[in-house]
Amino acid sequence: MKVFLDTNVFVEYFECRRECQAVSRLLSAVEDGKVKGIISAGCVYTLAYLIRMELKRQEIYRPEQTLRLRSMLNIILSLVTVGSVSHKRIVMATNDTAFDDLEDSYQYQCAVQNHCDAIVTINLKDYRGVDTSKIEILSPSEFGSKYL
């Protein structure tokens, strides 16, 4: 099964929020090869920014900050594949009125282009306009209950 992991899934995990255990279980399934994890390039950019801001908050500065950032991103990138998204799909996403948040529209188009079976996200409401006959939209705990 191929699963698109929304950026907020990683934030949930790093900040040990409510769905942290479900995300951990999902990431273990990805690591074990039971599930193929896909993310967008935008996810990498966003995570790089968020991790850097957290390291700054912890008063960790360059060059140590850059070493830690690379280490954390390399761990993520060893688990998942960065899916491609075409110019055509980016244009489609930009103009898709089913989405109020364009970032979610870009994530959706990346998931569709990469033939994902599901999108796992913390914010299910962000994908309420999606045709779920093409792709399932699940929270980490819903995904775990149904597939793990």
Protein backbone atom coordinates (compact mmCIF):
# COMPACT_ATOMS: atom_id res chain seq x y z
CA MET A 1 0.00 0.00 0.00
CA LYS A 2 1.28 3.47 -0.92
CA VAL A 3 0.44 6.23 1.55
CA PHE A 4 0.96 9.97 1.25
CA LEU A 5 2.03 11.50 4.57
CA ASP A 6 0.86 15.07 5.06
CA THR A 7 3.41 17.41 6.61
CA ASN A 8 1.33 17.75 9.77
CA VAL A 9 1.83 14.03 10.50
CA PHE A 10 5.52 14.68 11.13
CA VAL A 11 4.76 17.76 13.22
CA GLU A 12 2.38 15.64 15.31
CA TYR A 13 5.15 13.12 15.89
CA PHE A 14 7.94 15.61 16.66
CA GLU A 15 5.78 17.56 19.08
CA CYS A 16 4.39 14.40 20.76
CA ARG A 17 0.80 15.48 20.29
CA ARG A 18 -2.39 13.42 20.61
CA GLU A 19 -1.82 11.19 17.55
CA CYS A 20 1.89 10.64 18.28
CA GLN A 21 1.56 6.93 19.05
CA ALA A 22 -0.51 6.29 15.92
CA VAL A 23 2.06 8.15 13.82
CA SER A 24 4.84 6.13 15.44
CA ARG A 25 3.03 2.92 14.53
CA LEU A 26 2.58 4.13 10.95
CA LEU A 27 6.24 5.14 10.63
CA SER A 28 7.26 1.72 11.97
CA ALA A 29 5.16 0.09 9.24
CA VAL A 30 6.89 2.31 6.68
CA GLU A 31 10.30 1.40 8.11
CA ASP A 32 9.42 -2.31 8.02
CA GLY A 33 8.36 -2.04 4.36
CA LYS A 34 4.71 -2.89 5.06
CA VAL A 35 3.65 0.54 3.79
CA LYS A 36 5.38 2.75 1.23
CA GLY A 37 5.50 6.34 2.47
CA ILE A 38 5.38 9.26 0.05
CA ILE A 39 5.87 12.94 0.86
CA SER A 40 6.06 16.07 -1.28
CA ALA A 41 9.10 18.27 -1.81
CA GLY A 42 7.06 20.97 -0.08
CA CYS A 43 6.94 18.77 3.01
CA VAL A 44 10.75 18.66 3.08
CA TYR A 45 10.98 22.45 2.77
CA THR A 46 8.43 22.98 5.51
CA LEU A 47 10.02 20.46 7.86
CA ALA A 48 13.46 21.99 7.28
CA TYR A 49 12.08 25.38 8.27
CA LEU A 50 10.17 24.08 11.31
CA ILE A 51 13.07 21.99 12.59
CA ARG A 52 15.47 24.92 12.17
CA MET A 53 13.09 27.19 14.12
CA GLU A 54 12.84 24.61 16.91
CA LEU A 55 16.61 24.29 17.09
CA LYS A 56 16.90 28.09 17.30
CA ARG A 57 14.32 28.06 20.08
CA GLN A 58 16.57 25.59 21.89
CA GLU A 59 19.46 28.03 21.31
CA ILE A 60 21.27 25.68 18.98
CA TYR A 61 22.99 27.67 16.26
CA ARG A 62 25.10 27.02 13.17
CA PRO A 63 27.08 24.94 12.42
CA GLU A 64 25.61 22.52 15.03
CA GLN A 65 22.09 23.52 13.95
CA THR A 66 22.80 22.55 10.34
CA LEU A 67 24.31 19.21 11.37
CA ARG A 68 21.27 18.33 13.47
CA LEU A 69 18.86 19.52 10.77
CA ARG A 70 20.57 17.37 8.15
CA SER A 71 20.57 14.39 10.49
CA MET A 72 16.84 14.67 11.20
CA LEU A 73 15.94 15.18 7.54
CA ASN A 74 18.13 12.23 6.52
CA ILE A 75 16.24 10.01 8.95
CA ILE A 76 12.93 11.06 7.39
CA LEU A 77 14.28 10.70 3.84
CA SER A 78 15.57 7.20 4.61
CA LEU A 79 11.99 6.17 5.41
CA VAL A 80 9.97 7.84 2.68
CA THR A 81 10.15 8.76 -1.00
CA VAL A 82 9.72 12.32 -2.19
CA GLY A 83 7.03 12.13 -4.86
CA SER A 84 7.18 14.26 -7.95
CA VAL A 85 4.42 16.57 -9.07
CA SER A 86 4.12 17.98 -12.56
CA HIS A 87 3.64 21.59 -13.59
CA LYS A 88 0.20 20.63 -14.92
CA ARG A 89 -0.85 19.25 -11.52
CA ILE A 90 0.50 22.32 -9.71
CA VAL A 91 -1.66 24.49 -11.99
CA MET A 92 -4.63 22.20 -11.30
CA ALA A 93 -3.99 22.47 -7.56
CA THR A 94 -3.70 26.25 -7.71
CA ASN A 95 -7.13 26.48 -9.33
CA ASP A 96 -8.96 23.69 -7.45
CA THR A 97 -11.82 25.44 -5.65
CA ALA A 98 -12.44 22.36 -3.48
CA PHE A 99 -9.53 23.56 -1.34
CA ASP A 100 -9.35 26.70 0.79
CA ASP A 101 -5.70 26.00 1.62
CA LEU A 102 -3.57 25.73 -1.52
CA GLU A 103 -0.84 23.80 0.29
CA ASP A 104 -3.34 20.98 0.89
CA SER A 105 -4.32 21.11 -2.77
CA TYR A 106 -0.66 20.70 -3.79
CA GLN A 107 -0.27 17.79 -1.36
CA TYR A 108 -3.40 16.17 -2.80
CA GLN A 109 -2.16 16.49 -6.39
CA CYS A 110 1.21 15.03 -5.41
CA ALA A 111 -0.56 12.07 -3.79
CA VAL A 112 -2.76 11.50 -6.85
CA GLN A 113 0.14 11.78 -9.31
CA ASN A 114 2.10 9.22 -7.27
CA HIS A 115 -0.83 6.79 -7.21
CA CYS A 116 -1.20 6.79 -3.45
CA ASP A 117 -3.98 4.71 -1.95
CA ALA A 118 -4.49 7.08 0.98
CA ILE A 119 -3.52 10.43 2.41
CA VAL A 120 -2.78 10.34 6.12
CA THR A 121 -3.32 13.71 7.75
CA ILE A 122 -4.09 15.22 11.12
CA ASN A 123 -6.54 17.71 9.61
CA LEU A 124 -9.18 15.61 7.88
CA LYS A 125 -11.32 18.69 7.24
CA ASP A 126 -8.64 20.09 4.94
CA TYR A 127 -9.52 17.36 2.44
CA ARG A 128 -13.31 17.37 2.78
CA GLY A 129 -13.84 18.25 -0.92
CA VAL A 130 -11.80 15.29 -2.17
CA ASP A 131 -13.29 12.47 -4.21
CA THR A 132 -12.67 9.61 -1.78
CA SER A 133 -13.44 7.02 -4.46
CA LYS A 134 -9.96 7.87 -5.84
CA ILE A 135 -8.02 8.16 -2.59
CA GLU A 136 -8.84 7.61 1.09
CA ILE A 137 -8.32 10.41 3.59
CA LEU A 138 -7.48 9.03 7.04
CA SER A 139 -6.07 10.19 10.33
CA PRO A 140 -3.07 8.23 11.64
CA SER A 141 -5.26 6.37 14.14
CA GLU A 142 -7.88 5.57 11.47
CA PHE A 143 -5.16 4.30 9.19
CA GLY A 144 -3.72 2.16 11.97
CA SER A 145 -7.10 0.68 12.89
CA LYS A 146 -7.93 -0.13 9.29
CA TYR A 147 -4.59 -1.30 7.89
CA LEU A 148 -2.07 -2.06 10.62
